[in-house]
Amino acid sequence: MLVLRLALRALSWRAAVSATVFGVALIGVLAGFEGDTSPHPLMLKGASLHGIFVGSRAHFEHLCAAIDVNRIKPVIDRTFGFEAAADAYRHQLAGAFGKVVIRI
């Protein structure tokens, strides 16, 4: 399933729903619980909503400290410029090992 991940501060709920085809994965609750979050537009598309709650700020700070202490680095397969974004997606679909980065 293709999902759209968003932070409500950066992208409105309405924009996310209109942009998606299959579903929305809403990660965290950055903007609170207010506003129009009606599921009806998703239902009309036959799309789904997956709510993913994250831990507290303290949990995040502990995670960051553990990453620093253990010198954990992400595995980056390849980096593309923004103008080559389509190539980056093709590369990922071909079976890239690690992160495929698109520079903005």
PDB file of N, CA and C in Angstrom:
ATOM      1  N   MET A   1       0.839  -1.181   0.000  1.00  0.00           N
ATOM      2  CA  MET A   1       0.000   0.000   0.000  1.00  0.00           C
ATOM      3  C   MET A   1       0.883   1.243   0.000  1.00  0.00           C
ATOM      4  N   LEU A   2       0.577   2.156  -0.874  1.00  0.00           N
ATOM      5  CA  LEU A   2       1.268   3.440  -0.913  1.00  0.00           C
ATOM      6  C   LEU A   2       0.575   4.364   0.077  1.00  0.00           C
ATOM      7  N   VAL A   3       1.340   4.965   0.959  1.00  0.00           N
ATOM      8  CA  VAL A   3       0.757   5.887   1.931  1.00  0.00           C
ATOM      9  C   VAL A   3       1.464   7.217   1.861  1.00  0.00           C
ATOM     10  N   LEU A   4       0.769   8.236   2.290  1.00  0.00           N
ATOM     11  CA  LEU A   4       1.326   9.581   2.360  1.00  0.00           C
ATOM     12  C   LEU A   4       1.569   9.889   3.820  1.00  0.00           C
ATOM     13  N   ARG A   5       2.797  10.193   4.175  1.00  0.00           N
ATOM     14  CA  ARG A   5       3.114  10.570   5.545  1.00  0.00           C
ATOM     15  C   ARG A   5       3.183  12.078   5.625  1.00  0.00           C
ATOM     16  N   LEU A   6       2.590  12.639   6.638  1.00  0.00           N
ATOM     17  CA  LEU A   6       2.567  14.089   6.698  1.00  0.00           C
ATOM     18  C   LEU A   6       2.647  14.606   8.119  1.00  0.00           C
ATOM     19  N   ALA A   7       3.096  15.810   8.238  1.00  0.00           N
ATOM     20  CA  ALA A   7       3.029  16.566   9.480  1.00  0.00           C
ATOM     21  C   ALA A   7       1.991  17.643   9.229  1.00  0.00           C
ATOM     22  N   LEU A   8       0.955  17.672  10.040  1.00  0.00           N
ATOM     23  CA  LEU A   8      -0.152  18.585   9.763  1.00  0.00           C
ATOM     24  C   LEU A   8       0.262  20.047   9.734  1.00  0.00           C
ATOM     25  N   ARG A   9       1.381  20.399  10.348  1.00  0.00           N
ATOM     26  CA  ARG A   9       1.824  21.791  10.267  1.00  0.00           C
ATOM     27  C   ARG A   9       2.309  22.129   8.866  1.00  0.00           C
ATOM     28  N   ALA A  10       2.860  21.141   8.170  1.00  0.00           N
ATOM     29  CA  ALA A  10       3.434  21.396   6.850  1.00  0.00           C
ATOM     30  C   ALA A  10       2.423  21.194   5.731  1.00  0.00           C
ATOM     31  N   LEU A  11       1.451  20.360   5.946  1.00  0.00           N
ATOM     32  CA  LEU A  11       0.501  20.032   4.897  1.00  0.00           C
ATOM     33  C   LEU A  11      -0.866  19.851   5.535  1.00  0.00           C
ATOM     34  N   SER A  12      -1.874  20.461   4.990  1.00  0.00           N
ATOM     35  CA  SER A  12      -3.192  20.375   5.611  1.00  0.00           C
ATOM     36  C   SER A  12      -3.804  19.005   5.388  1.00  0.00           C
ATOM     37  N   TRP A  13      -4.715  18.648   6.261  1.00  0.00           N
ATOM     38  CA  TRP A  13      -5.437  17.382   6.143  1.00  0.00           C
ATOM     39  C   TRP A  13      -6.146  17.302   4.799  1.00  0.00           C
ATOM     40  N   ARG A  14      -6.802  18.362   4.416  1.00  0.00           N
ATOM     41  CA  ARG A  14      -7.533  18.393   3.143  1.00  0.00           C
ATOM     42  C   ARG A  14      -6.592  18.148   1.962  1.00  0.00           C
ATOM     43  N   ALA A  15      -5.409  18.777   1.991  1.00  0.00           N
ATOM     44  CA  ALA A  15      -4.438  18.593   0.906  1.00  0.00           C
ATOM     45  C   ALA A  15      -3.924  17.154   0.878  1.00  0.00           C
ATOM     46  N   ALA A  16      -3.687  16.583   2.052  1.00  0.00           N
ATOM     47  CA  ALA A  16      -3.199  15.205   2.119  1.00  0.00           C
ATOM     48  C   ALA A  16      -4.230  14.235   1.556  1.00  0.00           C
ATOM     49  N   VAL A  17      -5.481  14.429   1.937  1.00  0.00           N
ATOM     50  CA  VAL A  17      -6.545  13.540   1.470  1.00  0.00           C
ATOM     51  C   VAL A  17      -6.741  13.676  -0.031  1.00  0.00           C
ATOM     52  N   SER A  18      -6.681  14.895  -0.547  1.00  0.00           N
ATOM     53  CA  SER A  18      -6.881  15.068  -1.987  1.00  0.00           C
ATOM     54  C   SER A  18      -5.692  14.520  -2.780  1.00  0.00           C
ATOM     55  N   ALA A  19      -4.495  14.475  -2.178  1.00  0.00           N
ATOM     56  CA  ALA A  19      -3.312  14.003  -2.886  1.00  0.00           C
ATOM     57  C   ALA A  19      -3.184  12.483  -2.884  1.00  0.00           C
ATOM     58  N   THR A  20      -3.813  11.825  -1.939  1.00  0.00           N
ATOM     59  CA  THR A  20      -3.622  10.385  -1.805  1.00  0.00           C
ATOM     60  C   THR A  20      -4.549   9.591  -2.722  1.00  0.00           C
ATOM     61  N   VAL A  21      -4.119   8.398  -3.032  1.00  0.00           N
ATOM     62  CA  VAL A  21      -4.931   7.476  -3.815  1.00  0.00           C
ATOM     63  C   VAL A  21      -5.350   6.309  -2.937  1.00  0.00           C
ATOM     64  N   PHE A  22      -4.402   5.756  -2.187  1.00  0.00           N
ATOM     65  CA  PHE A  22      -4.664   4.553  -1.412  1.00  0.00           C
ATOM     66  C   PHE A  22      -4.915   4.822   0.067  1.00  0.00           C
ATOM     67  N   GLY A  23      -4.148   5.730   0.659  1.00  0.00           N
ATOM     68  CA  GLY A  23      -4.326   5.954   2.078  1.00  0.00           C
ATOM     69  C   GLY A  23      -3.368   6.971   2.643  1.00  0.00           C
ATOM     70  N   VAL A  24      -3.592   7.301   3.903  1.00  0.00           N
ATOM     71  CA  VAL A  24      -2.777   8.269   4.630  1.00  0.00           C
ATOM     72  C   VAL A  24      -2.296   7.606   5.910  1.00  0.00           C
ATOM     73  N   ALA A  25      -1.001   7.704   6.176  1.00  0.00           N
ATOM     74  CA  ALA A  25      -0.459   7.296   7.464  1.00  0.00           C
ATOM     75  C   ALA A  25      -0.186   8.576   8.222  1.00  0.00           C
ATOM     76  N   LEU A  26      -0.947   8.824   9.242  1.00  0.00           N
ATOM     77  CA  LEU A  26      -0.811  10.042  10.038  1.00  0.00           C
ATOM     78  C   LEU A  26       0.099   9.727  11.209  1.00  0.00           C
ATOM     79  N   ILE A  27       1.312  10.256  11.179  1.00  0.00           N
ATOM     80  CA  ILE A  27       2.315   9.933  12.186  1.00  0.00           C
ATOM     81  C   ILE A  27       2.380  11.045  13.212  1.00  0.00           C
ATOM     82  N   GLY A  28       2.022  10.718  14.448  1.00  0.00           N
ATOM     83  CA  GLY A  28       2.041  11.698  15.521  1.00  0.00           C
ATOM     84  C   GLY A  28       0.881  12.677  15.409  1.00  0.00           C
ATOM     85  N   VAL A  29       0.805  13.549  16.377  1.00  0.00           N
ATOM     86  CA  VAL A  29      -0.258  14.552  16.412  1.00  0.00           C
ATOM     87  C   VAL A  29       0.405  15.895  16.655  1.00  0.00           C
ATOM     88  N   LEU A  30       1.103  16.408  15.630  1.00  0.00           N
ATOM     89  CA  LEU A  30       1.877  17.630  15.795  1.00  0.00           C
ATOM     90  C   LEU A  30       1.009  18.861  15.967  1.00  0.00           C
ATOM     91  N   ALA A  31      -0.145  18.876  15.333  1.00  0.00           N
ATOM     92  CA  ALA A  31      -0.965  20.080  15.348  1.00  0.00           C
ATOM     93  C   ALA A  31      -2.145  19.970  16.304  1.00  0.00           C
ATOM     94  N   GLY A  32      -2.174  18.947  17.131  1.00  0.00           N
ATOM     95  CA  GLY A  32      -3.282  18.784  18.055  1.00  0.00           C
ATOM     96  C   GLY A  32      -4.460  18.081  17.397  1.00  0.00           C
ATOM     97  N   PHE A  33      -5.580  18.081  18.087  1.00  0.00           N
ATOM     98  CA  PHE A  33      -6.741  17.347  17.625  1.00  0.00           C
ATOM     99  C   PHE A  33      -7.820  18.239  17.026  1.00  0.00           C
ATOM    100  N   GLU A  34      -7.559  19.530  16.915  1.00  0.00           N
ATOM    101  CA  GLU A  34      -8.552  20.451  16.372  1.00  0.00           C
ATOM    102  C   GLU A  34      -8.503  20.434  14.855  1.00  0.00           C
ATOM    103  N   GLY A  35      -9.526  21.001  14.246  1.00  0.00           N
ATOM    104  CA  GLY A  35      -9.540  21.141  12.799  1.00  0.00           C
ATOM    105  C   GLY A  35     -10.411  20.088  12.137  1.00  0.00           C
ATOM    106  N   ASP A  36     -10.535  20.208  10.820  1.00  0.00           N
ATOM    107  CA  ASP A  36     -11.372  19.300  10.051  1.00  0.00           C
ATOM    108  C   ASP A  36     -10.587  18.045   9.707  1.00  0.00           C
ATOM    109  N   THR A  37     -10.897  16.954  10.367  1.00  0.00           N
ATOM    110  CA  THR A  37     -10.273  15.666  10.068  1.00  0.00           C
ATOM    111  C   THR A  37     -11.344  14.641   9.714  1.00  0.00           C
ATOM    112  N   SER A  38     -12.362  15.089   9.029  1.00  0.00           N
ATOM    113  CA  SER A  38     -13.452  14.208   8.632  1.00  0.00           C
ATOM    114  C   SER A  38     -12.921  13.068   7.762  1.00  0.00           C
ATOM    115  N   PRO A  39     -13.353  11.833   8.041  1.00  0.00           N
ATOM    116  CA  PRO A  39     -12.910  10.696   7.224  1.00  0.00           C
ATOM    117  C   PRO A  39     -13.689  10.544   5.922  1.00  0.00           C
ATOM    118  N   HIS A  40     -14.731  11.353   5.721  1.00  0.00           N
ATOM    119  CA  HIS A  40     -15.600  11.171   4.550  1.00  0.00           C
ATOM    120  C   HIS A  40     -14.875  11.254   3.208  1.00  0.00           C
ATOM    121  N   PRO A  41     -13.953  12.210   2.978  1.00  0.00           N
ATOM    122  CA  PRO A  41     -13.250  12.219   1.688  1.00  0.00           C
ATOM    123  C   PRO A  41     -12.446  10.943   1.436  1.00  0.00           C
ATOM    124  N   LEU A  42     -11.865  10.385   2.500  1.00  0.00           N
ATOM    125  CA  LEU A  42     -11.138   9.119   2.343  1.00  0.00           C
ATOM    126  C   LEU A  42     -12.097   7.988   2.013  1.00  0.00           C
ATOM    127  N   MET A  43     -13.236   7.988   2.674  1.00  0.00           N
ATOM    128  CA  MET A  43     -14.217   6.929   2.444  1.00  0.00           C
ATOM    129  C   MET A  43     -14.723   6.953   1.010  1.00  0.00           C
ATOM    130  N   LEU A  44     -14.938   8.147   0.454  1.00  0.00           N
ATOM    131  CA  LEU A  44     -15.423   8.258  -0.922  1.00  0.00           C
ATOM    132  C   LEU A  44     -14.397   7.736  -1.927  1.00  0.00           C
ATOM    133  N   LYS A  45     -13.109   7.796  -1.563  1.00  0.00           N
ATOM    134  CA  LYS A  45     -12.046   7.284  -2.431  1.00  0.00           C
ATOM    135  C   LYS A  45     -11.774   5.798  -2.192  1.00  0.00           C
ATOM    136  N   GLY A  46     -12.335   5.259  -1.133  1.00  0.00           N
ATOM    137  CA  GLY A  46     -12.013   3.884  -0.763  1.00  0.00           C
ATOM    138  C   GLY A  46     -10.617   3.778  -0.177  1.00  0.00           C
ATOM    139  N   ALA A  47     -10.101   4.884   0.339  1.00  0.00           N
ATOM    140  CA  ALA A  47      -8.754   4.927   0.911  1.00  0.00           C
ATOM    141  C   ALA A  47      -8.826   4.615   2.404  1.00  0.00           C
ATOM    142  N   SER A  48      -7.677   4.457   3.005  1.00  0.00           N
ATOM    143  CA  SER A  48      -7.636   4.127   4.425  1.00  0.00           C
ATOM    144  C   SER A  48      -6.781   5.134   5.189  1.00  0.00           C
ATOM    145  N   LEU A  49      -6.996   5.154   6.494  1.00  0.00           N
ATOM    146  CA  LEU A  49      -6.228   6.014   7.388  1.00  0.00           C
ATOM    147  C   LEU A  49      -5.592   5.137   8.443  1.00  0.00           C
ATOM    148  N   HIS A  50      -4.290   5.291   8.616  1.00  0.00           N
ATOM    149  CA  HIS A  50      -3.566   4.560   9.650  1.00  0.00           C
ATOM    150  C   HIS A  50      -2.968   5.574  10.605  1.00  0.00           C
ATOM    151  N   GLY A  51      -3.432   5.584  11.828  1.00  0.00           N
ATOM    152  CA  GLY A  51      -2.890   6.472  12.843  1.00  0.00           C
ATOM    153  C   GLY A  51      -1.707   5.816  13.530  1.00  0.00           C
ATOM    154  N   ILE A  52      -0.578   6.504  13.561  1.00  0.00           N
ATOM    155  CA  ILE A  52       0.628   5.971  14.181  1.00  0.00           C
ATOM    156  C   ILE A  52       1.064   6.962  15.258  1.00  0.00           C
ATOM    157  N   PHE A  53       0.921   6.565  16.509  1.00  0.00           N
ATOM    158  CA  PHE A  53       1.324   7.443  17.594  1.00  0.00           C
ATOM    159  C   PHE A  53       2.777   7.178  17.949  1.00  0.00           C
ATOM    160  N   VAL A  54       3.465   8.223  18.305  1.00  0.00           N
ATOM    161  CA  VAL A  54       4.877   8.131  18.657  1.00  0.00           C
ATOM    162  C   VAL A  54       5.019   8.386  20.146  1.00  0.00           C
ATOM    163  N   GLY A  55       6.199   8.116  20.678  1.00  0.00           N
ATOM    164  CA  GLY A  55       6.445   8.310  22.098  1.00  0.00           C
ATOM    165  C   GLY A  55       6.541   9.783  22.484  1.00  0.00           C
ATOM    166  N   SER A  56       6.869   9.994  23.716  1.00  0.00           N
ATOM    167  CA  SER A  56       6.981  11.349  24.259  1.00  0.00           C
ATOM    168  C   SER A  56       8.275  12.006  23.798  1.00  0.00           C
ATOM    169  N   ARG A  57       8.392  13.288  24.088  1.00  0.00           N
ATOM    170  CA  ARG A  57       9.636  14.013  23.774  1.00  0.00           C
ATOM    171  C   ARG A  57      10.810  13.399  24.520  1.00  0.00           C
ATOM    172  N   ALA A  58      10.586  12.977  25.765  1.00  0.00           N
ATOM    173  CA  ALA A  58      11.654  12.350  26.556  1.00  0.00           C
ATOM    174  C   ALA A  58      12.130  11.060  25.880  1.00  0.00           C
ATOM    175  N   HIS A  59      11.186  10.272  25.357  1.00  0.00           N
ATOM    176  CA  HIS A  59      11.572   9.053  24.637  1.00  0.00           C
ATOM    177  C   HIS A  59      12.425   9.392  23.416  1.00  0.00           C
ATOM    178  N   PHE A  60      12.019  10.439  22.698  1.00  0.00           N
ATOM    179  CA  PHE A  60      12.764  10.862  21.513  1.00  0.00           C
ATOM    180  C   PHE A  60      14.179  11.305  21.886  1.00  0.00           C
ATOM    181  N   GLU A  61      14.306  12.060  22.975  1.00  0.00           N
ATOM    182  CA  GLU A  61      15.624  12.525  23.417  1.00  0.00           C
ATOM    183  C   GLU A  61      16.522  11.355  23.820  1.00  0.00           C
ATOM    184  N   HIS A  62      15.942  10.345  24.479  1.00  0.00           N
ATOM    185  CA  HIS A  62      16.710   9.150  24.827  1.00  0.00           C
ATOM    186  C   HIS A  62      17.154   8.393  23.575  1.00  0.00           C
ATOM    187  N   LEU A  63      16.271   8.324  22.602  1.00  0.00           N
ATOM    188  CA  LEU A  63      16.612   7.666  21.338  1.00  0.00           C
ATOM    189  C   LEU A  63      17.773   8.391  20.653  1.00  0.00           C
ATOM    190  N   CYS A  64      17.699   9.719  20.597  1.00  0.00           N
ATOM    191  CA  CYS A  64      18.769  10.509  19.966  1.00  0.00           C
ATOM    192  C   CYS A  64      20.091  10.322  20.693  1.00  0.00           C
ATOM    193  N   ALA A  65      20.044  10.289  22.015  1.00  0.00           N
ATOM    194  CA  ALA A  65      21.267  10.081  22.801  1.00  0.00           C
ATOM    195  C   ALA A  65      21.856   8.701  22.513  1.00  0.00           C
ATOM    196  N   ALA A  66      21.013   7.680  22.413  1.00  0.00           N
ATOM    197  CA  ALA A  66      21.493   6.326  22.119  1.00  0.00           C
ATOM    198  C   ALA A  66      22.112   6.256  20.726  1.00  0.00           C
ATOM    199  N   ILE A  67      21.514   6.950  19.778  1.00  0.00           N
ATOM    200  CA  ILE A  67      22.067   6.985  18.414  1.00  0.00           C
ATOM    201  C   ILE A  67      23.445   7.638  18.430  1.00  0.00           C
ATOM    202  N   ASP A  68      23.591   8.744  19.165  1.00  0.00           N
ATOM    203  CA  ASP A  68      24.888   9.429  19.262  1.00  0.00           C
ATOM    204  C   ASP A  68      25.938   8.551  19.939  1.00  0.00           C
ATOM    205  N   VAL A  69      25.588   7.985  21.089  1.00  0.00           N
ATOM    206  CA  VAL A  69      26.539   7.192  21.869  1.00  0.00           C
ATOM    207  C   VAL A  69      27.020   5.982  21.073  1.00  0.00           C
ATOM    208  N   ASN A  70      26.107   5.350  20.353  1.00  0.00           N
ATOM    209  CA  ASN A  70      26.448   4.134  19.607  1.00  0.00           C
ATOM    210  C   ASN A  70      26.883   4.406  18.172  1.00  0.00           C
ATOM    211  N   ARG A  71      26.951   5.697  17.815  1.00  0.00           N
ATOM    212  CA  ARG A  71      27.400   6.132  16.490  1.00  0.00           C
ATOM    213  C   ARG A  71      26.649   5.426  15.360  1.00  0.00           C
ATOM    214  N   ILE A  72      25.334   5.353  15.517  1.00  0.00           N
ATOM    215  CA  ILE A  72      24.504   4.707  14.506  1.00  0.00           C
ATOM    216  C   ILE A  72      24.305   5.666  13.339  1.00  0.00           C
ATOM    217  N   LYS A  73      24.568   5.191  12.151  1.00  0.00           N
ATOM    218  CA  LYS A  73      24.416   5.989  10.931  1.00  0.00           C
ATOM    219  C   LYS A  73      23.463   5.260   9.991  1.00  0.00           C
ATOM    220  N   PRO A  74      22.622   5.986   9.274  1.00  0.00           N
ATOM    221  CA  PRO A  74      21.741   5.321   8.308  1.00  0.00           C
ATOM    222  C   PRO A  74      22.541   4.792   7.125  1.00  0.00           C
ATOM    223  N   VAL A  75      22.069   3.715   6.552  1.00  0.00           N
ATOM    224  CA  VAL A  75      22.688   3.179   5.346  1.00  0.00           C
ATOM    225  C   VAL A  75      22.089   3.935   4.166  1.00  0.00           C
ATOM    226  N   ILE A  76      22.918   4.694   3.467  1.00  0.00           N
ATOM    227  CA  ILE A  76      22.455   5.470   2.313  1.00  0.00           C
ATOM    228  C   ILE A  76      22.952   4.774   1.054  1.00  0.00           C
ATOM    229  N   ASP A  77      22.012   4.290   0.259  1.00  0.00           N
ATOM    230  CA  ASP A  77      22.346   3.587  -0.977  1.00  0.00           C
ATOM    231  C   ASP A  77      22.854   4.557  -2.034  1.00  0.00           C
ATOM    232  N   ARG A  78      22.102   5.636  -2.235  1.00  0.00           N
ATOM    233  CA  ARG A  78      22.469   6.592  -3.286  1.00  0.00           C
ATOM    234  C   ARG A  78      21.756   7.917  -3.044  1.00  0.00           C
ATOM    235  N   THR A  79      22.366   9.011  -3.488  1.00  0.00           N
ATOM    236  CA  THR A  79      21.795  10.346  -3.351  1.00  0.00           C
ATOM    237  C   THR A  79      21.559  10.929  -4.737  1.00  0.00           C
ATOM    238  N   PHE A  80      20.379  11.535  -4.927  1.00  0.00           N
ATOM    239  CA  PHE A  80      19.994  12.149  -6.199  1.00  0.00           C
ATOM    240  C   PHE A  80      19.685  13.615  -5.980  1.00  0.00           C
ATOM    241  N   GLY A  81      19.900  14.430  -6.983  1.00  0.00           N
ATOM    242  CA  GLY A  81      19.445  15.814  -6.954  1.00  0.00           C
ATOM    243  C   GLY A  81      17.939  15.848  -7.198  1.00  0.00           C
ATOM    244  N   PHE A  82      17.304  16.942  -6.829  1.00  0.00           N
ATOM    245  CA  PHE A  82      15.846  17.050  -6.971  1.00  0.00           C
ATOM    246  C   PHE A  82      15.406  16.871  -8.424  1.00  0.00           C
ATOM    247  N   GLU A  83      16.234  17.366  -9.349  1.00  0.00           N
ATOM    248  CA  GLU A  83      15.884  17.260 -10.771  1.00  0.00           C
ATOM    249  C   GLU A  83      15.873  15.811 -11.246  1.00  0.00           C
ATOM    250  N   ALA A  84      16.479  14.903 -10.487  1.00  0.00           N
ATOM    251  CA  ALA A  84      16.518  13.481 -10.846  1.00  0.00           C
ATOM    252  C   ALA A  84      15.625  12.643  -9.926  1.00  0.00           C
ATOM    253  N   ALA A  85      14.597  13.262  -9.369  1.00  0.00           N
ATOM    254  CA  ALA A  85      13.716  12.553  -8.431  1.00  0.00           C
ATOM    255  C   ALA A  85      13.087  11.318  -9.069  1.00  0.00           C
ATOM    256  N   ALA A  86      12.675  11.423 -10.324  1.00  0.00           N
ATOM    257  CA  ALA A  86      12.073  10.262 -10.999  1.00  0.00           C
ATOM    258  C   ALA A  86      13.070   9.104 -11.063  1.00  0.00           C
ATOM    259  N   ASP A  87      14.339   9.406 -11.328  1.00  0.00           N
ATOM    260  CA  ASP A  87      15.380   8.366 -11.338  1.00  0.00           C
ATOM    261  C   ASP A  87      15.538   7.749  -9.952  1.00  0.00           C
ATOM    262  N   ALA A  88      15.434   8.578  -8.918  1.00  0.00           N
ATOM    263  CA  ALA A  88      15.558   8.082  -7.545  1.00  0.00           C
ATOM    264  C   ALA A  88      14.446   7.087  -7.231  1.00  0.00           C
ATOM    265  N   TYR A  89      13.217   7.408  -7.624  1.00  0.00           N
ATOM    266  CA  TYR A  89      12.104   6.482  -7.379  1.00  0.00           C
ATOM    267  C   TYR A  89      12.293   5.189  -8.161  1.00  0.00           C
ATOM    268  N   ARG A  90      12.761   5.281  -9.398  1.00  0.00           N
ATOM    269  CA  ARG A  90      13.024   4.069 -10.185  1.00  0.00           C
ATOM    270  C   ARG A  90      14.117   3.219  -9.528  1.00  0.00           C
ATOM    271  N   HIS A  91      15.154   3.897  -9.021  1.00  0.00           N
ATOM    272  CA  HIS A  91      16.249   3.198  -8.348  1.00  0.00           C
ATOM    273  C   HIS A  91      15.728   2.459  -7.114  1.00  0.00           C
ATOM    274  N   GLN A  92      14.870   3.121  -6.351  1.00  0.00           N
ATOM    275  CA  GLN A  92      14.311   2.495  -5.153  1.00  0.00           C
ATOM    276  C   GLN A  92      13.463   1.278  -5.526  1.00  0.00           C
ATOM    277  N   LEU A  93      12.639   1.419  -6.543  1.00  0.00           N
ATOM    278  CA  LEU A  93      11.785   0.308  -6.974  1.00  0.00           C
ATOM    279  C   LEU A  93      12.592  -0.870  -7.508  1.00  0.00           C
ATOM    280  N   ALA A  94      13.784  -0.599  -8.008  1.00  0.00           N
ATOM    281  CA  ALA A  94      14.640  -1.654  -8.541  1.00  0.00           C
ATOM    282  C   ALA A  94      15.293  -2.490  -7.442  1.00  0.00           C
ATOM    283  N   GLY A  95      15.127  -2.060  -6.190  1.00  0.00           N
ATOM    284  CA  GLY A  95      15.646  -2.861  -5.081  1.00  0.00           C
ATOM    285  C   GLY A  95      16.857  -2.275  -4.390  1.00  0.00           C
ATOM    286  N   ALA A  96      16.862  -0.987  -4.172  1.00  0.00           N
ATOM    287  CA  ALA A  96      17.976  -0.340  -3.475  1.00  0.00           C
ATOM    288  C   ALA A  96      18.115  -0.915  -2.067  1.00  0.00           C
ATOM    289  N   PHE A  97      19.346  -1.002  -1.597  1.00  0.00           N
ATOM    290  CA  PHE A  97      19.597  -1.423  -0.227  1.00  0.00           C
ATOM    291  C   PHE A  97      19.963  -0.185   0.570  1.00  0.00           C
ATOM    292  N   GLY A  98      19.125   0.216   1.480  1.00  0.00           N
ATOM    293  CA  GLY A  98      19.367   1.417   2.265  1.00  0.00           C
ATOM    294  C   GLY A  98      18.494   2.567   1.792  1.00  0.00           C
ATOM    295  N   LYS A  99      18.764   3.733   2.308  1.00  0.00           N
ATOM    296  CA  LYS A  99      17.982   4.931   2.001  1.00  0.00           C
ATOM    297  C   LYS A  99      18.348   5.478   0.629  1.00  0.00           C
ATOM    298  N   VAL A 100      17.342   5.940  -0.078  1.00  0.00           N
ATOM    299  CA  VAL A 100      17.556   6.656  -1.324  1.00  0.00           C
ATOM    300  C   VAL A 100      17.212   8.112  -1.018  1.00  0.00           C
ATOM    301  N   VAL A 101      18.183   8.995  -1.118  1.00  0.00           N
ATOM    302  CA  VAL A 101      18.038  10.386  -0.703  1.00  0.00           C
ATOM    303  C   VAL A 101      17.815  11.275  -1.923  1.00  0.00           C
ATOM    304  N   ILE A 102      16.858  12.193  -1.794  1.00  0.00           N
ATOM    305  CA  ILE A 102      16.639  13.212  -2.836  1.00  0.00           C
ATOM    306  C   ILE A 102      16.963  14.560  -2.197  1.00  0.00           C
ATOM    307  N   ARG A 103      18.022  15.217  -2.686  1.00  0.00           N
ATOM    308  CA  ARG A 103      18.418  16.531  -2.173  1.00  0.00           C
ATOM    309  C   ARG A 103      17.442  17.595  -2.670  1.00  0.00           C
ATOM    310  N   ILE A 104      17.018  18.451  -1.770  1.00  0.00           N
ATOM    311  CA  ILE A 104      16.114  19.542  -2.140  1.00  0.00           C
ATOM    312  C   ILE A 104      16.863  20.838  -2.088  1.00  0.00           C
TER     313      ILE A 104
END
